[in-house]
Amino acid sequence: MTYDLIVIGSGPGGYSAAVRAGQYGLKTAIIEKDAKLGGTCLHVGCIPTKALLHTADMWSFANHAGDEGITIDKPTLNFPKVMERKNGIVSKHAKGVEFLMKKNKVDWIKGYGTIKGPGKVEVKTDKGTETLTTKNILIATGSVARMLPGLTPDPDFILTNVEILNLQAVPKSLMIIGAGAVGVEFASIFNRFGTEVSVFEAMPRIVPVEDEEVSKELERVFKKNKIRVETGAKCDQVQKTGKSVKMKVTLANGKVEDVEAEKLLVAVGRAPNTASIGLENTKVKSERGFIFVNEYQQTDEPGIYAIGDVVAGTPQLAHVATAQGMVAVGKMAGKPVTPIRRNRIPGATYTDPGIGSVGLTEAQAKAAGYKVKVGKFPFIANSKATILGSHDGFVKIVSDEKYGEILGVHIIGPEAFELIAEAVTAMEAEATVETMMSTIHAHPTIYEALGEAFNAVYGLAINV
């Protein structure tokens, strides 16, 4: 049997591409080495972490319900039950992905796929090895957590995003190396669960891909919530004592400090999972494991495409992989497609307060030569934020003074990861600041803050 498409990897990018291929009538197979479909995002990434963040929100509410006039007598946290709920959500959606494969007539092949050349994929399964032929191959193998040199993850002391999601008790103390999205989300989770959390980041600021003012605001709120934050910090000499983890930290001021905690989470980024998938048998070009593609996700080997975390130069985000999958499959099927645009990709970090962003930061816009005009509106002036008791943060609009072009929108505050949707749509539609100023925003809502921020570009915000 010859397939029209074989997808290697069943994360959001891979399974979504397989569904779209099925919708287009392409004979499709998806190869997955793990026992369940869904990849990192569903099993040890996006979905379980957001489940825990939601529970952290609920726990925080339970402990402050008196502020709302609600009496909750001595709330208790049943952490094994929390993890059971998280696992149930993951299992439900894994079954959902399996259903989608059946619905769209996609063959699920359980095994490890290796490309043996153009149009050939070898699969090692429990039953042996077989070679499949196909017109197109889509590499969607994702990424794995990077580990510091000399360290090995273990379930008791040195954790990655995988091990920390299997804890059965809330640790008394937790050190986190790395303050990107993974690091700060787990800091936000366990801080609210009562863990003493310390975050160490080598870069000059936390969430370094965000606008500088967003980084400053998150650090301020973290410190207010008693999370220790050290930027410009170098961590080494990590040692397990049998009951805890110790390490040396060189702080930004040059001082060397011995630090210790019950657990250590290493969140220093992710490496592309391409080491043993057979790239050497093709003309596919890569660097440090990252694959080079054109705007249609095509590699240098005709008939081989790549999407998601393995692709050089694009953010390692589930929704990016999915969007790239739609482009790749559309190209294969001869359908009209719109390649993704880097400055239209939303970022979402689910801390408390949340972060949502799209487009250029203020610094990037200035570096690109734009004459920048900025509008900001604080959530403390938003009535719905007052109702929610969530006043931290702001909306920041970065625009081009000459034409009113929206260059970037950066939000930190309540539901920021939802609010960013309006900004992404506006930018995709090439709306101007003036267009958004005249767009009526319902009252009272949190998203009114966007309307106010667009007005603030010209000094016309009402409620400040």
Foldseek 3Di string as FASTA:
>chain_A
DAWQEEEEAQALLRLLLLLVLLVLVTAYAYEDQDPFGHPCCLQLRVQLLVLLLVVLVVLLCLVVVVVVVDDDPDDDDQQQVSLVVSVVSSVVVRVVSVVSCVVSVYHYHHFHWADQAQQWIWGQDPVGIDIHGYLFYEYEHAWAFDDDPPDDDDLFAEAESRSVSPDRDQFQEEEEEAQALVRQSVLQSNLSVNHAYEYEYLAQFHNVVAFPVLRVLVVVVCVVSNYHYFYNKDWDPWDDPPQWIWIWIQGNVRDIDIDITRYYYYHHDIAGPQPGRHCVSYPFDDDSQATEAPLLQHGPGPRYGYFAPSHPPADRDSVRSNLSSVSNSCVSSVHDHDGDDRQLDWDWRVHVQIKIKGADHQVRCVVVPAPKFKFKDFQLLAVVCVVVVKGGWIKMWIAGPPPQFTGMIITTTHPNNVLCVVVSVCNVVRHGLVNLLPDDDDPRDSNVRVNQRSCRSVPRRDRD
